Amino acid sequence: MLEREVRMLDLLNGKTTVQIPEITYRGKKYDYVGYPKIEGSTLTNEIYGSLSTEEKDKLANDLATFLFQAHRGRFPVTEGEAAGFQHE
């Protein structure tokens, strides 16, 4: 499971406008990875509720842009298949 996540992060890195964790070390004896912290904060229900309509619209647009980039725009199916992911 972790290896699949690592492959996906490697494929997405540099292909989206959202910063993707860059794996900097991997466990040799145990299954773990590490990467530098990405600055930001958790979007809680409380924080979301305090956003203005304009901020919520921007958030929705940013999320839609990321999903488009990750699923179609900048991520060709052939790259995923080459990394061992199946196209359905």
PDB file of N, CA and C in Angstrom:
ATOM      1  N   MET A   1       0.824  -1.197   0.000  1.00  0.00           N
ATOM      2  CA  MET A   1       0.000   0.000   0.000  1.00  0.00           C
ATOM      3  C   MET A   1       0.869   1.262   0.000  1.00  0.00           C
ATOM      4  N   LEU A   2       1.864   1.306   0.859  1.00  0.00           N
ATOM      5  CA  LEU A   2       2.722   2.481   0.920  1.00  0.00           C
ATOM      6  C   LEU A   2       3.483   2.678  -0.389  1.00  0.00           C
ATOM      7  N   GLU A   3       3.928   1.591  -0.988  1.00  0.00           N
ATOM      8  CA  GLU A   3       4.682   1.706  -2.246  1.00  0.00           C
ATOM      9  C   GLU A   3       3.815   2.315  -3.339  1.00  0.00           C
ATOM     10  N   ARG A   4       2.545   1.971  -3.355  1.00  0.00           N
ATOM     11  CA  ARG A   4       1.616   2.545  -4.338  1.00  0.00           C
ATOM     12  C   ARG A   4       1.480   4.057  -4.122  1.00  0.00           C
ATOM     13  N   GLU A   5       1.372   4.464  -2.873  1.00  0.00           N
ATOM     14  CA  GLU A   5       1.281   5.895  -2.563  1.00  0.00           C
ATOM     15  C   GLU A   5       2.555   6.626  -2.982  1.00  0.00           C
ATOM     16  N   VAL A   6       3.701   6.023  -2.724  1.00  0.00           N
ATOM     17  CA  VAL A   6       4.979   6.629  -3.097  1.00  0.00           C
ATOM     18  C   VAL A   6       5.064   6.793  -4.608  1.00  0.00           C
ATOM     19  N   ARG A   7       4.656   5.770  -5.354  1.00  0.00           N
ATOM     20  CA  ARG A   7       4.680   5.871  -6.819  1.00  0.00           C
ATOM     21  C   ARG A   7       3.770   6.993  -7.299  1.00  0.00           C
ATOM     22  N   MET A   8       2.583   7.119  -6.673  1.00  0.00           N
ATOM     23  CA  MET A   8       1.645   8.168  -7.080  1.00  0.00           C
ATOM     24  C   MET A   8       2.206   9.553  -6.763  1.00  0.00           C
ATOM     25  N   LEU A   9       2.798   9.722  -5.585  1.00  0.00           N
ATOM     26  CA  LEU A   9       3.395  11.017  -5.242  1.00  0.00           C
ATOM     27  C   LEU A   9       4.517  11.370  -6.219  1.00  0.00           C
ATOM     28  N   ASP A  10       5.335  10.375  -6.561  1.00  0.00           N
ATOM     29  CA  ASP A  10       6.420  10.611  -7.525  1.00  0.00           C
ATOM     30  C   ASP A  10       5.872  11.044  -8.884  1.00  0.00           C
ATOM     31  N   LEU A  11       4.775  10.429  -9.316  1.00  0.00           N
ATOM     32  CA  LEU A  11       4.186  10.778 -10.606  1.00  0.00           C
ATOM     33  C   LEU A  11       3.561  12.176 -10.590  1.00  0.00           C
ATOM     34  N   LEU A  12       2.935  12.541  -9.479  1.00  0.00           N
ATOM     35  CA  LEU A  12       2.259  13.845  -9.396  1.00  0.00           C
ATOM     36  C   LEU A  12       3.226  14.996  -9.170  1.00  0.00           C
ATOM     37  N   ASN A  13       4.372  14.715  -8.588  1.00  0.00           N
ATOM     38  CA  ASN A  13       5.314  15.779  -8.251  1.00  0.00           C
ATOM     39  C   ASN A  13       5.717  16.582  -9.486  1.00  0.00           C
ATOM     40  N   GLY A  14       5.478  17.881  -9.410  1.00  0.00           N
ATOM     41  CA  GLY A  14       5.824  18.771 -10.518  1.00  0.00           C
ATOM     42  C   GLY A  14       4.766  18.856 -11.609  1.00  0.00           C
ATOM     43  N   LYS A  15       3.664  18.123 -11.452  1.00  0.00           N
ATOM     44  CA  LYS A  15       2.629  18.121 -12.483  1.00  0.00           C
ATOM     45  C   LYS A  15       1.356  18.827 -12.047  1.00  0.00           C
ATOM     46  N   THR A  16       1.358  19.402 -10.861  1.00  0.00           N
ATOM     47  CA  THR A  16       0.186  20.128 -10.381  1.00  0.00           C
ATOM     48  C   THR A  16       0.621  21.476  -9.829  1.00  0.00           C
ATOM     49  N   THR A  17      -0.342  22.360  -9.672  1.00  0.00           N
ATOM     50  CA  THR A  17      -0.046  23.658  -9.071  1.00  0.00           C
ATOM     51  C   THR A  17      -0.052  23.567  -7.545  1.00  0.00           C
ATOM     52  N   VAL A  18      -0.424  22.403  -7.011  1.00  0.00           N
ATOM     53  CA  VAL A  18      -0.385  22.162  -5.569  1.00  0.00           C
ATOM     54  C   VAL A  18       0.928  21.473  -5.245  1.00  0.00           C
ATOM     55  N   GLN A  19       1.544  21.869  -4.142  1.00  0.00           N
ATOM     56  CA  GLN A  19       2.800  21.244  -3.744  1.00  0.00           C
ATOM     57  C   GLN A  19       2.545  19.809  -3.307  1.00  0.00           C
ATOM     58  N   ILE A  20       3.307  18.894  -3.863  1.00  0.00           N
ATOM     59  CA  ILE A  20       3.195  17.464  -3.569  1.00  0.00           C
ATOM     60  C   ILE A  20       4.406  17.065  -2.724  1.00  0.00           C
ATOM     61  N   PRO A  21       4.201  16.260  -1.660  1.00  0.00           N
ATOM     62  CA  PRO A  21       5.361  15.834  -0.862  1.00  0.00           C
ATOM     63  C   PRO A  21       6.409  15.148  -1.727  1.00  0.00           C
ATOM     64  N   GLU A  22       7.653  15.534  -1.515  1.00  0.00           N
ATOM     65  CA  GLU A  22       8.766  14.910  -2.235  1.00  0.00           C
ATOM     66  C   GLU A  22       9.489  13.989  -1.259  1.00  0.00           C
ATOM     67  N   ILE A  23       9.406  12.693  -1.514  1.00  0.00           N
ATOM     68  CA  ILE A  23       9.999  11.695  -0.628  1.00  0.00           C
ATOM     69  C   ILE A  23      11.510  11.905  -0.589  1.00  0.00           C
ATOM     70  N   THR A  24      12.048  12.097   0.612  1.00  0.00           N
ATOM     71  CA  THR A  24      13.491  12.328   0.750  1.00  0.00           C
ATOM     72  C   THR A  24      14.207  11.148   1.395  1.00  0.00           C
ATOM     73  N   TYR A  25      13.466  10.283   2.076  1.00  0.00           N
ATOM     74  CA  TYR A  25      14.088   9.061   2.592  1.00  0.00           C
ATOM     75  C   TYR A  25      13.047   7.966   2.763  1.00  0.00           C
ATOM     76  N   ARG A  26      13.555   6.742   2.689  1.00  0.00           N
ATOM     77  CA  ARG A  26      12.705   5.556   2.810  1.00  0.00           C
ATOM     78  C   ARG A  26      13.349   4.593   3.798  1.00  0.00           C
ATOM     79  N   GLY A  27      12.496   3.902   4.540  1.00  0.00           N
ATOM     80  CA  GLY A  27      13.004   2.917   5.493  1.00  0.00           C
ATOM     81  C   GLY A  27      13.639   1.742   4.773  1.00  0.00           C
ATOM     82  N   LYS A  28      14.711   1.228   5.330  1.00  0.00           N
ATOM     83  CA  LYS A  28      15.368   0.067   4.732  1.00  0.00           C
ATOM     84  C   LYS A  28      14.859  -1.225   5.367  1.00  0.00           C
ATOM     85  N   LYS A  29      14.696  -1.205   6.678  1.00  0.00           N
ATOM     86  CA  LYS A  29      14.236  -2.408   7.371  1.00  0.00           C
ATOM     87  C   LYS A  29      12.721  -2.419   7.520  1.00  0.00           C
ATOM     88  N   TYR A  30      12.130  -1.240   7.736  1.00  0.00           N
ATOM     89  CA  TYR A  30      10.690  -1.129   7.923  1.00  0.00           C
ATOM     90  C   TYR A  30      10.086  -0.281   6.811  1.00  0.00           C
ATOM     91  N   ASP A  31       8.791  -0.443   6.609  1.00  0.00           N
ATOM     92  CA  ASP A  31       8.083   0.233   5.528  1.00  0.00           C
ATOM     93  C   ASP A  31       7.635   1.627   5.972  1.00  0.00           C
ATOM     94  N   TYR A  32       8.456   2.641   5.709  1.00  0.00           N
ATOM     95  CA  TYR A  32       8.093   4.020   6.010  1.00  0.00           C
ATOM     96  C   TYR A  32       8.830   4.959   5.069  1.00  0.00           C
ATOM     97  N   VAL A  33       8.323   6.168   4.944  1.00  0.00           N
ATOM     98  CA  VAL A  33       8.960   7.198   4.135  1.00  0.00           C
ATOM     99  C   VAL A  33       8.931   8.506   4.905  1.00  0.00           C
ATOM    100  N   GLY A  34       9.738   9.443   4.473  1.00  0.00           N
ATOM    101  CA  GLY A  34       9.742  10.767   5.081  1.00  0.00           C
ATOM    102  C   GLY A  34       9.936  11.829   4.032  1.00  0.00           C
ATOM    103  N   TYR A  35       9.435  13.011   4.332  1.00  0.00           N
ATOM    104  CA  TYR A  35       9.570  14.148   3.425  1.00  0.00           C
ATOM    105  C   TYR A  35       9.445  15.428   4.230  1.00  0.00           C
ATOM    106  N   PRO A  36       9.988  16.525   3.696  1.00  0.00           N
ATOM    107  CA  PRO A  36       9.873  17.806   4.397  1.00  0.00           C
ATOM    108  C   PRO A  36       8.411  18.225   4.543  1.00  0.00           C
ATOM    109  N   LYS A  37       8.135  18.899   5.632  1.00  0.00           N
ATOM    110  CA  LYS A  37       6.779  19.364   5.897  1.00  0.00           C
ATOM    111  C   LYS A  37       6.356  20.391   4.852  1.00  0.00           C
ATOM    112  N   ILE A  38       5.130  20.267   4.404  1.00  0.00           N
ATOM    113  CA  ILE A  38       4.555  21.256   3.499  1.00  0.00           C
ATOM    114  C   ILE A  38       3.779  22.241   4.366  1.00  0.00           C
ATOM    115  N   GLU A  39       4.104  23.506   4.256  1.00  0.00           N
ATOM    116  CA  GLU A  39       3.456  24.525   5.081  1.00  0.00           C
ATOM    117  C   GLU A  39       1.978  24.640   4.737  1.00  0.00           C
ATOM    118  N   GLY A  40       1.195  24.912   5.745  1.00  0.00           N
ATOM    119  CA  GLY A  40      -0.236  25.081   5.550  1.00  0.00           C
ATOM    120  C   GLY A  40      -0.972  24.752   6.826  1.00  0.00           C
ATOM    121  N   SER A  41      -2.272  24.671   6.738  1.00  0.00           N
ATOM    122  CA  SER A  41      -3.078  24.325   7.898  1.00  0.00           C
ATOM    123  C   SER A  41      -4.211  23.414   7.459  1.00  0.00           C
ATOM    124  N   THR A  42      -4.787  22.723   8.424  1.00  0.00           N
ATOM    125  CA  THR A  42      -5.892  21.809   8.166  1.00  0.00           C
ATOM    126  C   THR A  42      -7.178  22.598   7.984  1.00  0.00           C
ATOM    127  N   LEU A  43      -7.922  22.253   6.973  1.00  0.00           N
ATOM    128  CA  LEU A  43      -9.203  22.918   6.728  1.00  0.00           C
ATOM    129  C   LEU A  43     -10.279  22.190   7.528  1.00  0.00           C
ATOM    130  N   THR A  44     -10.601  22.735   8.695  1.00  0.00           N
ATOM    131  CA  THR A  44     -11.626  22.144   9.557  1.00  0.00           C
ATOM    132  C   THR A  44     -12.995  22.695   9.173  1.00  0.00           C
ATOM    133  N   ASN A  45     -14.046  22.063   9.675  1.00  0.00           N
ATOM    134  CA  ASN A  45     -15.396  22.574   9.455  1.00  0.00           C
ATOM    135  C   ASN A  45     -15.533  23.997   9.992  1.00  0.00           C
ATOM    136  N   GLU A  46     -14.910  24.259  11.126  1.00  0.00           N
ATOM    137  CA  GLU A  46     -14.977  25.591  11.729  1.00  0.00           C
ATOM    138  C   GLU A  46     -14.327  26.642  10.827  1.00  0.00           C
ATOM    139  N   ILE A  47     -13.142  26.327  10.313  1.00  0.00           N
ATOM    140  CA  ILE A  47     -12.455  27.267   9.418  1.00  0.00           C
ATOM    141  C   ILE A  47     -13.255  27.454   8.140  1.00  0.00           C
ATOM    142  N   TYR A  48     -13.736  26.354   7.555  1.00  0.00           N
ATOM    143  CA  TYR A  48     -14.521  26.462   6.326  1.00  0.00           C
ATOM    144  C   TYR A  48     -15.751  27.332   6.547  1.00  0.00           C
ATOM    145  N   GLY A  49     -16.419  27.147   7.675  1.00  0.00           N
ATOM    146  CA  GLY A  49     -17.609  27.931   7.981  1.00  0.00           C
ATOM    147  C   GLY A  49     -17.336  29.416   8.135  1.00  0.00           C
ATOM    148  N   SER A  50     -16.099  29.759   8.476  1.00  0.00           N
ATOM    149  CA  SER A  50     -15.756  31.169   8.666  1.00  0.00           C
ATOM    150  C   SER A  50     -15.319  31.852   7.363  1.00  0.00           C
ATOM    151  N   LEU A  51     -15.169  31.085   6.278  1.00  0.00           N
ATOM    152  CA  LEU A  51     -14.728  31.668   5.009  1.00  0.00           C
ATOM    153  C   LEU A  51     -15.858  32.451   4.350  1.00  0.00           C
ATOM    154  N   SER A  52     -15.465  33.490   3.631  1.00  0.00           N
ATOM    155  CA  SER A  52     -16.450  34.253   2.855  1.00  0.00           C
ATOM    156  C   SER A  52     -16.848  33.434   1.625  1.00  0.00           C
ATOM    157  N   THR A  53     -17.895  33.855   0.962  1.00  0.00           N
ATOM    158  CA  THR A  53     -18.335  33.177  -0.258  1.00  0.00           C
ATOM    159  C   THR A  53     -17.222  33.195  -1.299  1.00  0.00           C
ATOM    160  N   GLU A  54     -16.532  34.315  -1.423  1.00  0.00           N
ATOM    161  CA  GLU A  54     -15.438  34.425  -2.392  1.00  0.00           C
ATOM    162  C   GLU A  54     -14.309  33.452  -2.053  1.00  0.00           C
ATOM    163  N   GLU A  55     -13.978  33.322  -0.759  1.00  0.00           N
ATOM    164  CA  GLU A  55     -12.915  32.398  -0.346  1.00  0.00           C
ATOM    165  C   GLU A  55     -13.329  30.950  -0.598  1.00  0.00           C
ATOM    166  N   LYS A  56     -14.588  30.631  -0.346  1.00  0.00           N
ATOM    167  CA  LYS A  56     -15.086  29.279  -0.618  1.00  0.00           C
ATOM    168  C   LYS A  56     -15.056  28.991  -2.120  1.00  0.00           C
ATOM    169  N   ASP A  57     -15.410  29.982  -2.933  1.00  0.00           N
ATOM    170  CA  ASP A  57     -15.357  29.806  -4.388  1.00  0.00           C
ATOM    171  C   ASP A  57     -13.923  29.560  -4.846  1.00  0.00           C
ATOM    172  N   LYS A  58     -12.967  30.305  -4.287  1.00  0.00           N
ATOM    173  CA  LYS A  58     -11.558  30.122  -4.653  1.00  0.00           C
ATOM    174  C   LYS A  58     -11.067  28.739  -4.227  1.00  0.00           C
ATOM    175  N   LEU A  59     -11.445  28.317  -3.035  1.00  0.00           N
ATOM    176  CA  LEU A  59     -11.082  26.994  -2.551  1.00  0.00           C
ATOM    177  C   LEU A  59     -11.633  25.903  -3.471  1.00  0.00           C
ATOM    178  N   ALA A  60     -12.898  26.028  -3.845  1.00  0.00           N
ATOM    179  CA  ALA A  60     -13.518  25.053  -4.746  1.00  0.00           C
ATOM    180  C   ALA A  60     -12.804  25.041  -6.097  1.00  0.00           C
ATOM    181  N   ASN A  61     -12.452  26.207  -6.607  1.00  0.00           N
ATOM    182  CA  ASN A  61     -11.738  26.301  -7.881  1.00  0.00           C
ATOM    183  C   ASN A  61     -10.350  25.663  -7.777  1.00  0.00           C
ATOM    184  N   ASP A  62      -9.641  25.942  -6.675  1.00  0.00           N
ATOM    185  CA  ASP A  62      -8.314  25.355  -6.484  1.00  0.00           C
ATOM    186  C   ASP A  62      -8.385  23.834  -6.418  1.00  0.00           C
ATOM    187  N   LEU A  63      -9.379  23.326  -5.695  1.00  0.00           N
ATOM    188  CA  LEU A  63      -9.540  21.876  -5.582  1.00  0.00           C
ATOM    189  C   LEU A  63      -9.894  21.257  -6.935  1.00  0.00           C
ATOM    190  N   ALA A  64     -10.792  21.891  -7.661  1.00  0.00           N
ATOM    191  CA  ALA A  64     -11.174  21.391  -8.989  1.00  0.00           C
ATOM    192  C   ALA A  64      -9.975  21.390  -9.933  1.00  0.00           C
ATOM    193  N   THR A  65      -9.159  22.443  -9.867  1.00  0.00           N
ATOM    194  CA  THR A  65      -7.963  22.522 -10.707  1.00  0.00           C
ATOM    195  C   THR A  65      -7.003  21.389 -10.392  1.00  0.00           C
ATOM    196  N   PHE A  66      -6.769  21.147  -9.094  1.00  0.00           N
ATOM    197  CA  PHE A  66      -5.881  20.051  -8.708  1.00  0.00           C
ATOM    198  C   PHE A  66      -6.415  18.710  -9.211  1.00  0.00           C
ATOM    199  N   LEU A  67      -7.690  18.454  -8.999  1.00  0.00           N
ATOM    200  CA  LEU A  67      -8.268  17.181  -9.438  1.00  0.00           C
ATOM    201  C   LEU A  67      -8.179  17.015 -10.946  1.00  0.00           C
ATOM    202  N   PHE A  68      -8.406  18.096 -11.690  1.00  0.00           N
ATOM    203  CA  PHE A  68      -8.266  18.030 -13.151  1.00  0.00           C
ATOM    204  C   PHE A  68      -6.824  17.702 -13.525  1.00  0.00           C
ATOM    205  N   GLN A  69      -5.880  18.407 -12.904  1.00  0.00           N
ATOM    206  CA  GLN A  69      -4.473  18.170 -13.215  1.00  0.00           C
ATOM    207  C   GLN A  69      -4.061  16.742 -12.865  1.00  0.00           C
ATOM    208  N   ALA A  70      -4.535  16.250 -11.740  1.00  0.00           N
ATOM    209  CA  ALA A  70      -4.144  14.913 -11.293  1.00  0.00           C
ATOM    210  C   ALA A  70      -4.779  13.815 -12.137  1.00  0.00           C
ATOM    211  N   HIS A  71      -5.998  14.031 -12.606  1.00  0.00           N
ATOM    212  CA  HIS A  71      -6.716  12.972 -13.308  1.00  0.00           C
ATOM    213  C   HIS A  71      -6.619  13.030 -14.826  1.00  0.00           C
ATOM    214  N   ARG A  72      -6.409  14.208 -15.380  1.00  0.00           N
ATOM    215  CA  ARG A  72      -6.424  14.305 -16.841  1.00  0.00           C
ATOM    216  C   ARG A  72      -5.393  15.274 -17.403  1.00  0.00           C
ATOM    217  N   GLY A  73      -5.485  16.495 -16.971  1.00  0.00           N
ATOM    218  CA  GLY A  73      -4.758  17.582 -17.602  1.00  0.00           C
ATOM    219  C   GLY A  73      -3.267  17.393 -17.764  1.00  0.00           C
ATOM    220  N   ARG A  74      -2.574  16.980 -16.712  1.00  0.00           N
ATOM    221  CA  ARG A  74      -1.111  16.895 -16.776  1.00  0.00           C
ATOM    222  C   ARG A  74      -0.598  15.513 -16.420  1.00  0.00           C
ATOM    223  N   PHE A  75      -1.451  14.542 -16.415  1.00  0.00           N
ATOM    224  CA  PHE A  75      -1.066  13.215 -15.955  1.00  0.00           C
ATOM    225  C   PHE A  75      -1.528  12.168 -16.962  1.00  0.00           C
ATOM    226  N   PRO A  76      -0.754  11.965 -18.014  1.00  0.00           N
ATOM    227  CA  PRO A  76      -1.147  11.010 -19.045  1.00  0.00           C
ATOM    228  C   PRO A  76      -1.300   9.594 -18.498  1.00  0.00           C
ATOM    229  N   VAL A  77      -2.302   8.886 -18.978  1.00  0.00           N
ATOM    230  CA  VAL A  77      -2.569   7.515 -18.558  1.00  0.00           C
ATOM    231  C   VAL A  77      -1.342   6.643 -18.770  1.00  0.00           C
ATOM    232  N   THR A  78      -0.601   6.886 -19.845  1.00  0.00           N
ATOM    233  CA  THR A  78       0.568   6.054 -20.134  1.00  0.00           C
ATOM    234  C   THR A  78       1.615   6.138 -19.027  1.00  0.00           C
ATOM    235  N   GLU A  79       1.754   7.304 -18.389  1.00  0.00           N
ATOM    236  CA  GLU A  79       2.708   7.426 -17.280  1.00  0.00           C
ATOM    237  C   GLU A  79       2.257   6.590 -16.092  1.00  0.00           C
ATOM    238  N   GLY A  80       0.954   6.618 -15.816  1.00  0.00           N
ATOM    239  CA  GLY A  80       0.430   5.800 -14.721  1.00  0.00           C
ATOM    240  C   GLY A  80       0.603   4.318 -14.991  1.00  0.00           C
ATOM    241  N   GLU A  81       0.319   3.921 -16.208  1.00  0.00           N
ATOM    242  CA  GLU A  81       0.482   2.509 -16.571  1.00  0.00           C
ATOM    243  C   GLU A  81       1.943   2.091 -16.471  1.00  0.00           C
ATOM    244  N   ALA A  82       2.862   2.951 -16.887  1.00  0.00           N
ATOM    245  CA  ALA A  82       4.289   2.650 -16.814  1.00  0.00           C
ATOM    246  C   ALA A  82       4.744   2.498 -15.354  1.00  0.00           C
ATOM    247  N   ALA A  83       4.044   3.180 -14.433  1.00  0.00           N
ATOM    248  CA  ALA A  83       4.385   3.090 -13.011  1.00  0.00           C
ATOM    249  C   ALA A  83       3.665   1.937 -12.321  1.00  0.00           C
ATOM    250  N   GLY A  84       2.894   1.161 -13.091  1.00  0.00           N
ATOM    251  CA  GLY A  84       2.239  -0.008 -12.532  1.00  0.00           C
ATOM    252  C   GLY A  84       0.782   0.181 -12.144  1.00  0.00           C
ATOM    253  N   PHE A  85       0.193   1.314 -12.508  1.00  0.00           N
ATOM    254  CA  PHE A  85      -1.224   1.536 -12.212  1.00  0.00           C
ATOM    255  C   PHE A  85      -2.064   1.048 -13.382  1.00  0.00           C
ATOM    256  N   GLN A  86      -3.220   0.486 -13.077  1.00  0.00           N
ATOM    257  CA  GLN A  86      -4.092  -0.029 -14.123  1.00  0.00           C
ATOM    258  C   GLN A  86      -5.092   1.036 -14.539  1.00  0.00           C
ATOM    259  N   HIS A  87      -5.343   1.100 -15.839  1.00  0.00           N
ATOM    260  CA  HIS A  87      -6.337   2.012 -16.394  1.00  0.00           C
ATOM    261  C   HIS A  87      -7.642   1.246 -16.545  1.00  0.00           C
ATOM    262  N   GLU A  88      -8.700   1.778 -15.960  1.00  0.00           N
ATOM    263  CA  GLU A  88     -10.000   1.088 -16.040  1.00  0.00           C
ATOM    264  C   GLU A  88     -10.946   1.821 -16.941  1.00  0.00           C
TER     265      GLU A  88
END
